[in-house]
N, C-alpha and C. Protein backbone atom coordinates (compact mmCIF):
# COMPACT_ATOMS: atom_id res chain seq x y z
N MET A 1 0.85 -1.17 0.00
CA MET A 1 0.00 0.00 0.00
C MET A 1 0.90 1.22 0.00
N THR A 2 0.55 2.22 -0.75
CA THR A 2 1.35 3.43 -0.83
C THR A 2 1.16 4.28 0.42
N THR A 3 2.04 5.25 0.57
CA THR A 3 1.94 6.14 1.72
C THR A 3 0.62 6.90 1.70
N ASN A 4 0.20 7.35 0.52
CA ASN A 4 -1.10 8.05 0.42
C ASN A 4 -2.25 7.12 0.78
N GLY A 5 -2.15 5.88 0.36
CA GLY A 5 -3.19 4.91 0.68
C GLY A 5 -3.27 4.65 2.17
N GLN A 6 -2.12 4.58 2.83
CA GLN A 6 -2.09 4.36 4.27
C GLN A 6 -2.69 5.56 5.00
N ARG A 7 -2.36 6.76 4.54
CA ARG A 7 -2.92 7.96 5.17
C ARG A 7 -4.43 7.99 5.00
N ALA A 8 -4.90 7.66 3.81
CA ALA A 8 -6.34 7.66 3.56
C ALA A 8 -7.04 6.63 4.44
N ALA A 9 -6.42 5.46 4.61
CA ALA A 9 -7.01 4.42 5.46
C ALA A 9 -7.06 4.88 6.91
N LYS A 10 -6.01 5.55 7.38
CA LYS A 10 -5.99 6.05 8.76
C LYS A 10 -7.07 7.10 8.96
N ILE A 11 -7.19 8.01 8.00
CA ILE A 11 -8.20 9.07 8.11
C ILE A 11 -9.60 8.46 8.11
N ALA A 12 -9.83 7.49 7.23
CA ALA A 12 -11.14 6.83 7.18
C ALA A 12 -11.44 6.12 8.50
N ALA A 13 -10.43 5.47 9.07
CA ALA A 13 -10.62 4.77 10.35
C ALA A 13 -10.94 5.78 11.46
N LEU A 14 -10.25 6.91 11.48
CA LEU A 14 -10.52 7.93 12.50
C LEU A 14 -11.93 8.50 12.36
N ILE A 15 -12.34 8.76 11.13
CA ILE A 15 -13.68 9.29 10.90
C ILE A 15 -14.73 8.27 11.34
N ALA A 16 -14.53 7.01 10.96
CA ALA A 16 -15.49 5.96 11.34
C ALA A 16 -15.54 5.80 12.86
N GLY A 17 -14.37 5.83 13.49
CA GLY A 17 -14.34 5.72 14.95
C GLY A 17 -15.04 6.88 15.62
N GLY A 18 -14.81 8.10 15.12
CA GLY A 18 -15.48 9.27 15.68
C GLY A 18 -16.98 9.22 15.48
N ALA A 19 -17.38 8.72 14.32
CA ALA A 19 -18.81 8.60 14.06
C ALA A 19 -19.45 7.58 15.01
N ALA A 20 -18.74 6.48 15.25
CA ALA A 20 -19.27 5.45 16.15
C ALA A 20 -19.41 5.99 17.58
N VAL A 21 -18.39 6.70 18.05
CA VAL A 21 -18.45 7.27 19.40
C VAL A 21 -19.56 8.31 19.48
N GLY A 22 -19.64 9.17 18.48
CA GLY A 22 -20.68 10.19 18.47
C GLY A 22 -22.08 9.60 18.45
N ALA A 23 -22.25 8.56 17.64
CA ALA A 23 -23.57 7.91 17.57
C ALA A 23 -23.91 7.24 18.90
N GLY A 24 -22.93 6.62 19.50
CA GLY A 24 -23.17 5.98 20.80
C GLY A 24 -23.57 6.98 21.86
N LEU A 25 -22.87 8.10 21.93
CA LEU A 25 -23.22 9.13 22.91
C LEU A 25 -24.60 9.73 22.62
N ALA A 26 -24.89 9.94 21.36
CA ALA A 26 -26.21 10.49 21.00
C ALA A 26 -27.32 9.55 21.43
N LEU A 27 -27.11 8.25 21.25
CA LEU A 27 -28.14 7.29 21.65
C LEU A 27 -28.30 7.23 23.17
N LEU A 28 -27.18 7.32 23.87
CA LEU A 28 -27.26 7.25 25.33
C LEU A 28 -27.94 8.47 25.94
N TYR A 29 -27.80 9.62 25.33
CA TYR A 29 -28.38 10.83 25.87
C TYR A 29 -29.68 11.24 25.18
N ALA A 30 -30.21 10.42 24.33
CA ALA A 30 -31.45 10.72 23.63
C ALA A 30 -32.64 10.61 24.59
N PRO A 31 -33.61 11.48 24.43
CA PRO A 31 -34.79 11.44 25.31
C PRO A 31 -35.81 10.39 24.83
N GLN A 32 -35.51 9.14 25.07
CA GLN A 32 -36.41 8.05 24.67
C GLN A 32 -36.29 6.93 25.70
N THR A 33 -37.14 5.94 25.56
CA THR A 33 -37.14 4.84 26.52
C THR A 33 -35.94 3.93 26.30
N GLY A 34 -35.65 3.14 27.29
CA GLY A 34 -34.54 2.20 27.20
C GLY A 34 -34.74 1.16 26.12
N ALA A 35 -35.98 0.71 25.93
CA ALA A 35 -36.27 -0.29 24.91
C ALA A 35 -36.00 0.28 23.52
N GLU A 36 -36.40 1.52 23.31
CA GLU A 36 -36.14 2.14 22.01
C GLU A 36 -34.64 2.31 21.77
N THR A 37 -33.92 2.69 22.81
CA THR A 37 -32.48 2.87 22.69
C THR A 37 -31.80 1.55 22.37
N ARG A 38 -32.19 0.49 23.05
CA ARG A 38 -31.61 -0.84 22.79
C ARG A 38 -31.90 -1.30 21.37
N ARG A 39 -33.10 -1.04 20.89
CA ARG A 39 -33.46 -1.39 19.52
C ARG A 39 -32.57 -0.64 18.54
N GLN A 40 -32.40 0.65 18.78
CA GLN A 40 -31.53 1.43 17.90
C GLN A 40 -30.09 0.95 17.95
N LEU A 41 -29.62 0.58 19.14
CA LEU A 41 -28.25 0.07 19.26
C LEU A 41 -28.08 -1.24 18.48
N ARG A 42 -29.06 -2.13 18.58
CA ARG A 42 -29.00 -3.38 17.82
C ARG A 42 -28.97 -3.11 16.32
N HIS A 43 -29.80 -2.18 15.88
CA HIS A 43 -29.85 -1.81 14.46
C HIS A 43 -28.50 -1.23 14.01
N TYR A 44 -27.96 -0.33 14.82
CA TYR A 44 -26.68 0.30 14.48
C TYR A 44 -25.56 -0.75 14.46
N ALA A 45 -25.56 -1.68 15.42
CA ALA A 45 -24.53 -2.71 15.46
C ALA A 45 -24.60 -3.61 14.23
N LYS A 46 -25.81 -3.97 13.82
CA LYS A 46 -25.97 -4.80 12.62
C LYS A 46 -25.49 -4.06 11.38
N LYS A 47 -25.87 -2.78 11.28
CA LYS A 47 -25.45 -1.97 10.13
C LYS A 47 -23.93 -1.84 10.09
N THR A 48 -23.31 -1.62 11.23
CA THR A 48 -21.86 -1.51 11.31
C THR A 48 -21.18 -2.82 10.96
N GLN A 49 -21.77 -3.93 11.38
CA GLN A 49 -21.21 -5.25 11.05
C GLN A 49 -21.22 -5.46 9.54
N VAL A 50 -22.32 -5.11 8.89
CA VAL A 50 -22.41 -5.26 7.44
C VAL A 50 -21.37 -4.39 6.74
N GLN A 51 -21.22 -3.14 7.21
CA GLN A 51 -20.25 -2.23 6.61
C GLN A 51 -18.83 -2.75 6.82
N ALA A 52 -18.52 -3.25 8.00
CA ALA A 52 -17.18 -3.77 8.28
C ALA A 52 -16.88 -4.98 7.41
N THR A 53 -17.87 -5.83 7.21
CA THR A 53 -17.69 -7.00 6.35
C THR A 53 -17.41 -6.55 4.92
N ARG A 54 -18.15 -5.57 4.45
CA ARG A 54 -17.97 -5.05 3.09
C ARG A 54 -16.57 -4.43 2.94
N ILE A 55 -16.15 -3.64 3.92
CA ILE A 55 -14.83 -3.02 3.86
C ILE A 55 -13.74 -4.08 3.89
N GLY A 56 -13.90 -5.08 4.73
CA GLY A 56 -12.92 -6.17 4.80
C GLY A 56 -12.82 -6.92 3.48
N ARG A 57 -13.95 -7.16 2.86
CA ARG A 57 -13.96 -7.85 1.57
C ARG A 57 -13.27 -7.01 0.50
N ASP A 58 -13.56 -5.71 0.49
CA ASP A 58 -12.92 -4.81 -0.47
C ASP A 58 -11.41 -4.74 -0.24
N LEU A 59 -11.02 -4.70 1.02
CA LEU A 59 -9.60 -4.66 1.35
C LEU A 59 -8.90 -5.94 0.90
N LYS A 60 -9.54 -7.07 1.14
CA LYS A 60 -8.97 -8.36 0.72
C LYS A 60 -8.81 -8.40 -0.80
N ASP A 61 -9.82 -7.94 -1.53
CA ASP A 61 -9.74 -7.91 -2.99
C ASP A 61 -8.61 -7.01 -3.46
N GLY A 62 -8.45 -5.86 -2.82
CA GLY A 62 -7.38 -4.94 -3.19
C GLY A 62 -6.00 -5.54 -2.96
N VAL A 63 -5.84 -6.22 -1.84
CA VAL A 63 -4.55 -6.87 -1.54
C VAL A 63 -4.28 -7.97 -2.56
N GLU A 64 -5.29 -8.75 -2.89
CA GLU A 64 -5.10 -9.82 -3.87
C GLU A 64 -4.71 -9.25 -5.24
N ARG A 65 -5.34 -8.14 -5.64
CA ARG A 65 -4.97 -7.50 -6.91
C ARG A 65 -3.54 -6.99 -6.87
N ALA A 66 -3.14 -6.41 -5.75
CA ALA A 66 -1.77 -5.90 -5.62
C ALA A 66 -0.76 -7.04 -5.70
N ILE A 67 -1.08 -8.16 -5.08
CA ILE A 67 -0.19 -9.33 -5.13
C ILE A 67 -0.06 -9.83 -6.56
N GLU A 68 -1.17 -9.90 -7.27
CA GLU A 68 -1.13 -10.36 -8.66
C GLU A 68 -0.31 -9.41 -9.53
N ARG A 69 -0.47 -8.10 -9.31
CA ARG A 69 0.33 -7.14 -10.08
C ARG A 69 1.81 -7.30 -9.77
N GLY A 70 2.13 -7.52 -8.51
CA GLY A 70 3.51 -7.73 -8.12
C GLY A 70 4.10 -8.97 -8.77
N LYS A 71 3.32 -10.04 -8.78
CA LYS A 71 3.78 -11.28 -9.43
C LYS A 71 4.01 -11.06 -10.91
N ALA A 72 3.11 -10.31 -11.54
CA ALA A 72 3.25 -10.03 -12.98
C ALA A 72 4.52 -9.21 -13.25
N LEU A 73 4.80 -8.24 -12.40
CA LEU A 73 6.01 -7.44 -12.58
C LEU A 73 7.28 -8.27 -12.40
N VAL A 74 7.27 -9.14 -11.39
CA VAL A 74 8.43 -10.00 -11.16
C VAL A 74 8.62 -10.94 -12.34
N ALA A 75 7.53 -11.51 -12.84
CA ALA A 75 7.61 -12.42 -13.99
C ALA A 75 8.12 -11.67 -15.21
N LYS A 76 7.70 -10.43 -15.37
CA LYS A 76 8.12 -9.63 -16.51
C LYS A 76 9.62 -9.33 -16.43
N LYS A 77 10.14 -9.06 -15.23
CA LYS A 77 11.56 -8.78 -15.06
C LYS A 77 12.40 -10.03 -15.26
N ASP A 78 11.86 -11.18 -14.86
CA ASP A 78 12.59 -12.44 -14.97
C ASP A 78 12.56 -13.03 -16.37
N ALA A 79 11.67 -12.56 -17.23
CA ALA A 79 11.55 -13.11 -18.57
C ALA A 79 12.82 -12.80 -19.37
N PRO A 80 13.32 -13.77 -20.12
CA PRO A 80 14.52 -13.52 -20.91
C PRO A 80 14.26 -12.48 -21.98
N ARG A 81 15.21 -11.62 -22.16
CA ARG A 81 15.05 -10.55 -23.16
C ARG A 81 15.77 -10.95 -24.45
N ALA A 82 15.14 -10.64 -25.54
CA ALA A 82 15.75 -10.92 -26.84
C ALA A 82 16.76 -9.82 -27.15
N VAL A 83 17.89 -10.23 -27.62
CA VAL A 83 18.93 -9.25 -27.98
C VAL A 83 18.74 -8.89 -29.44
N GLN A 84 18.67 -7.60 -29.71
CA GLN A 84 18.50 -7.16 -31.09
C GLN A 84 19.82 -6.64 -31.62
N ALA A 85 20.16 -7.09 -32.78
CA ALA A 85 21.39 -6.60 -33.42
C ALA A 85 21.06 -5.33 -34.20
N ALA A 86 21.97 -4.39 -34.12
CA ALA A 86 21.72 -3.11 -34.79
C ALA A 86 22.13 -3.16 -36.23
């Protein structure tokens, strides 16, 4: 992963973490019953689980593509080169 890619991943993780903390605090201080709050928490947890699974799958696909590109580059460098006479 490139340096820019790592920075983007860190920023995305920080934003997601901040959003999760903010949502949790908002739910805890919301003027509603405990049952409603628990229902919302269950819904939010399920939604977050789905998003995390999707992100993990996308990350895995990206790593696999990078590995394949790396293998192709190594194979290209190792391939014998034809010498051309001038």
